[in-house]
Amino acid sequence: MTDLPSLIVDALRNVYDPCCAEKGISVVDMGLVRSVEVDEDGARVELILTSGWCPFAVDLISTVQERVGEVAGIENATVKVRWDEAWGPELMAPGARAKLRFLPPPRSVADRDAYVEARTAPPSGEGRS
């Protein structure tokens, strides 16, 4: 028997949140796919958005629904957004997290200027212009 939920997840690895498309980070790697269920009524996918104000939400939901509907064996695809669960960078796949730069929580940086300087200084031996 075919594992349709796994096929759906694989298909969604080629769907990109417009904010991360240039980095090649899929909705799966971003941690936006909360769940995938398949039964005799069709497939249901739950998404978590990075922001409730995401300007790309409608397009993203439509693209996910289209891609799920293209999977062989799926006649009906429904996509819902989970509004009761917040997205966070901990949901990302390690490879996706490595491609994006996240700043630490402000309270954990005692000296902001030193933090920035340490991460923007030129390699040793090179001067600043």
C-alpha atoms as a PDB file:
ATOM      1  CA  MET A   1       0.000   0.000   0.000  1.00  0.00           C
ATOM      2  CA  THR A   2       1.208   3.503  -0.836  1.00  0.00           C
ATOM      3  CA  ASP A   3       2.058   5.823   2.036  1.00  0.00           C
ATOM      4  CA  LEU A   4       0.100   8.829   0.749  1.00  0.00           C
ATOM      5  CA  PRO A   5       0.984  11.169   3.647  1.00  0.00           C
ATOM      6  CA  SER A   6       4.700  10.644   2.901  1.00  0.00           C
ATOM      7  CA  LEU A   7       4.103  11.248  -0.818  1.00  0.00           C
ATOM      8  CA  ILE A   8       2.280  14.474   0.039  1.00  0.00           C
ATOM      9  CA  VAL A   9       5.108  15.671   2.276  1.00  0.00           C
ATOM     10  CA  ASP A  10       7.592  14.844  -0.494  1.00  0.00           C
ATOM     11  CA  ALA A  11       5.504  16.839  -2.974  1.00  0.00           C
ATOM     12  CA  LEU A  12       5.442  19.794  -0.577  1.00  0.00           C
ATOM     13  CA  ARG A  13       9.254  19.814  -0.461  1.00  0.00           C
ATOM     14  CA  ASN A  14       8.977  21.656  -3.787  1.00  0.00           C
ATOM     15  CA  VAL A  15       6.636  24.360  -2.463  1.00  0.00           C
ATOM     16  CA  TYR A  16       8.357  27.467  -1.165  1.00  0.00           C
ATOM     17  CA  ASP A  17       7.230  30.236   1.113  1.00  0.00           C
ATOM     18  CA  PRO A  18       7.899  33.306  -1.066  1.00  0.00           C
ATOM     19  CA  CYS A  19      10.062  34.776   1.703  1.00  0.00           C
ATOM     20  CA  CYS A  20      12.442  31.783   1.570  1.00  0.00           C
ATOM     21  CA  ALA A  21      12.252  30.687  -2.058  1.00  0.00           C
ATOM     22  CA  GLU A  22      15.554  32.346  -2.990  1.00  0.00           C
ATOM     23  CA  LYS A  23      17.264  30.268  -0.304  1.00  0.00           C
ATOM     24  CA  GLY A  24      15.580  27.049  -1.482  1.00  0.00           C
ATOM     25  CA  ILE A  25      13.761  26.462   1.807  1.00  0.00           C
ATOM     26  CA  SER A  26      10.499  24.561   1.361  1.00  0.00           C
ATOM     27  CA  VAL A  27       7.369  24.839   3.464  1.00  0.00           C
ATOM     28  CA  VAL A  28       8.322  21.440   4.908  1.00  0.00           C
ATOM     29  CA  ASP A  29      11.808  22.597   5.909  1.00  0.00           C
ATOM     30  CA  MET A  30      10.389  25.845   7.308  1.00  0.00           C
ATOM     31  CA  GLY A  31       8.213  23.770   9.613  1.00  0.00           C
ATOM     32  CA  LEU A  32       4.997  25.182   8.185  1.00  0.00           C
ATOM     33  CA  VAL A  33       3.400  21.766   7.571  1.00  0.00           C
ATOM     34  CA  ARG A  34       1.782  20.860  10.880  1.00  0.00           C
ATOM     35  CA  SER A  35       0.027  17.665   9.831  1.00  0.00           C
ATOM     36  CA  VAL A  36      -1.016  15.563   6.855  1.00  0.00           C
ATOM     37  CA  GLU A  37      -3.919  13.123   7.040  1.00  0.00           C
ATOM     38  CA  VAL A  38      -5.452  10.986   4.327  1.00  0.00           C
ATOM     39  CA  ASP A  39      -8.670   8.988   4.453  1.00  0.00           C
ATOM     40  CA  GLU A  40     -11.472   8.009   2.080  1.00  0.00           C
ATOM     41  CA  ASP A  41     -12.607  11.665   1.908  1.00  0.00           C
ATOM     42  CA  GLY A  42      -9.237  12.904   0.678  1.00  0.00           C
ATOM     43  CA  ALA A  43      -6.184  14.654   2.076  1.00  0.00           C
ATOM     44  CA  ARG A  44      -6.121  17.285   4.785  1.00  0.00           C
ATOM     45  CA  VAL A  45      -3.058  19.419   5.410  1.00  0.00           C
ATOM     46  CA  GLU A  46      -2.684  21.775   8.347  1.00  0.00           C
ATOM     47  CA  LEU A  47      -0.262  24.668   8.052  1.00  0.00           C
ATOM     48  CA  ILE A  48       1.240  27.019  10.591  1.00  0.00           C
ATOM     49  CA  LEU A  49       2.135  30.446   9.224  1.00  0.00           C
ATOM     50  CA  THR A  50       5.229  32.357  10.277  1.00  0.00           C
ATOM     51  CA  SER A  51       2.945  35.317  10.895  1.00  0.00           C
ATOM     52  CA  GLY A  52      -0.787  35.832  11.056  1.00  0.00           C
ATOM     53  CA  TRP A  53      -0.152  38.875   8.867  1.00  0.00           C
ATOM     54  CA  CYS A  54       1.653  36.924   6.141  1.00  0.00           C
ATOM     55  CA  PRO A  55       0.830  38.712   2.872  1.00  0.00           C
ATOM     56  CA  PHE A  56       1.467  35.490   0.933  1.00  0.00           C
ATOM     57  CA  ALA A  57      -0.890  33.264   2.945  1.00  0.00           C
ATOM     58  CA  VAL A  58      -3.611  32.977   0.294  1.00  0.00           C
ATOM     59  CA  ASP A  59      -1.131  32.138  -2.474  1.00  0.00           C
ATOM     60  CA  LEU A  60       0.727  29.707  -0.238  1.00  0.00           C
ATOM     61  CA  ILE A  61      -2.453  27.882   0.763  1.00  0.00           C
ATOM     62  CA  SER A  62      -3.552  27.676  -2.888  1.00  0.00           C
ATOM     63  CA  THR A  63      -0.168  26.357  -3.995  1.00  0.00           C
ATOM     64  CA  VAL A  64      -0.120  23.725  -1.234  1.00  0.00           C
ATOM     65  CA  GLN A  65      -3.648  22.641  -2.156  1.00  0.00           C
ATOM     66  CA  GLU A  66      -2.737  22.374  -5.844  1.00  0.00           C
ATOM     67  CA  ARG A  67       0.414  20.371  -5.125  1.00  0.00           C
ATOM     68  CA  VAL A  68      -1.426  17.977  -2.802  1.00  0.00           C
ATOM     69  CA  GLY A  69      -4.130  17.503  -5.433  1.00  0.00           C
ATOM     70  CA  GLU A  70      -1.469  16.503  -7.976  1.00  0.00           C
ATOM     71  CA  VAL A  71      -0.381  13.510  -5.875  1.00  0.00           C
ATOM     72  CA  ALA A  72      -1.584  10.266  -7.442  1.00  0.00           C
ATOM     73  CA  GLY A  73      -4.434   8.781  -5.430  1.00  0.00           C
ATOM     74  CA  ILE A  74      -5.651  12.099  -4.004  1.00  0.00           C
ATOM     75  CA  GLU A  75      -9.044  13.171  -5.297  1.00  0.00           C
ATOM     76  CA  ASN A  76      -9.803  15.917  -2.778  1.00  0.00           C
ATOM     77  CA  ALA A  77      -7.342  18.199  -0.972  1.00  0.00           C
ATOM     78  CA  THR A  78      -8.134  20.556   1.885  1.00  0.00           C
ATOM     79  CA  VAL A  79      -5.667  22.968   3.457  1.00  0.00           C
ATOM     80  CA  LYS A  80      -6.335  24.689   6.767  1.00  0.00           C
ATOM     81  CA  VAL A  81      -4.265  27.127   8.791  1.00  0.00           C
ATOM     82  CA  ARG A  82      -3.800  26.438  12.500  1.00  0.00           C
ATOM     83  CA  TRP A  83      -4.360  29.774  14.198  1.00  0.00           C
ATOM     84  CA  ASP A  84      -4.049  28.351  17.701  1.00  0.00           C
ATOM     85  CA  GLU A  85      -0.412  27.354  17.309  1.00  0.00           C
ATOM     86  CA  ALA A  86       2.485  29.749  16.855  1.00  0.00           C
ATOM     87  CA  TRP A  87       5.344  29.128  14.454  1.00  0.00           C
ATOM     88  CA  GLY A  88       8.889  29.470  15.763  1.00  0.00           C
ATOM     89  CA  PRO A  89      12.355  28.860  14.331  1.00  0.00           C
ATOM     90  CA  GLU A  90      12.657  25.693  16.425  1.00  0.00           C
ATOM     91  CA  LEU A  91      10.194  24.077  13.965  1.00  0.00           C
ATOM     92  CA  MET A  92      12.643  24.493  11.095  1.00  0.00           C
ATOM     93  CA  ALA A  93      14.779  21.674   9.757  1.00  0.00           C
ATOM     94  CA  PRO A  94      18.435  22.116  10.788  1.00  0.00           C
ATOM     95  CA  GLY A  95      19.498  22.761   7.186  1.00  0.00           C
ATOM     96  CA  ALA A  96      16.937  25.536   6.814  1.00  0.00           C
ATOM     97  CA  ARG A  97      17.960  27.094  10.110  1.00  0.00           C
ATOM     98  CA  ALA A  98      21.574  27.088   8.935  1.00  0.00           C
ATOM     99  CA  LYS A  99      20.604  28.964   5.749  1.00  0.00           C
ATOM    100  CA  LEU A 100      18.886  31.741   7.676  1.00  0.00           C
ATOM    101  CA  ARG A 101      20.437  33.985  10.263  1.00  0.00           C
ATOM    102  CA  PHE A 102      18.560  34.476  13.465  1.00  0.00           C
ATOM    103  CA  LEU A 103      19.572  36.925  16.118  1.00  0.00           C
ATOM    104  CA  PRO A 104      19.534  35.816  19.723  1.00  0.00           C
ATOM    105  CA  PRO A 105      16.922  37.206  22.097  1.00  0.00           C
ATOM    106  CA  PRO A 106      17.928  40.790  22.984  1.00  0.00           C
ATOM    107  CA  ARG A 107      18.139  40.024  26.706  1.00  0.00           C
ATOM    108  CA  SER A 108      20.801  37.400  26.076  1.00  0.00           C
ATOM    109  CA  VAL A 109      23.184  39.946  24.505  1.00  0.00           C
ATOM    110  CA  ALA A 110      24.812  42.007  27.240  1.00  0.00           C
ATOM    111  CA  ASP A 111      26.762  44.277  24.881  1.00  0.00           C
ATOM    112  CA  ARG A 112      24.993  44.816  21.557  1.00  0.00           C
ATOM    113  CA  ASP A 113      27.859  46.740  19.955  1.00  0.00           C
ATOM    114  CA  ALA A 114      30.401  44.042  20.849  1.00  0.00           C
ATOM    115  CA  TYR A 115      28.038  41.357  19.517  1.00  0.00           C
ATOM    116  CA  VAL A 116      27.630  43.134  16.172  1.00  0.00           C
ATOM    117  CA  GLU A 117      31.345  43.953  15.933  1.00  0.00           C
ATOM    118  CA  ALA A 118      32.338  40.328  16.537  1.00  0.00           C
ATOM    119  CA  ARG A 119      30.089  39.162  13.716  1.00  0.00           C
ATOM    120  CA  THR A 120      30.878  41.846  11.166  1.00  0.00           C
ATOM    121  CA  ALA A 121      34.622  42.304  11.645  1.00  0.00           C
ATOM    122  CA  PRO A 122      36.726  41.523   8.571  1.00  0.00           C
ATOM    123  CA  PRO A 123      38.878  38.385   8.678  1.00  0.00           C
ATOM    124  CA  SER A 124      42.191  38.955  10.491  1.00  0.00           C
ATOM    125  CA  GLY A 125      44.793  40.674   8.390  1.00  0.00           C
ATOM    126  CA  GLU A 126      42.253  42.783   6.496  1.00  0.00           C
ATOM    127  CA  GLY A 127      41.663  46.385   7.415  1.00  0.00           C
ATOM    128  CA  ARG A 128      38.438  48.304   7.380  1.00  0.00           C
ATOM    129  CA  SER A 129      37.857  50.902   4.740  1.00  0.00           C
END
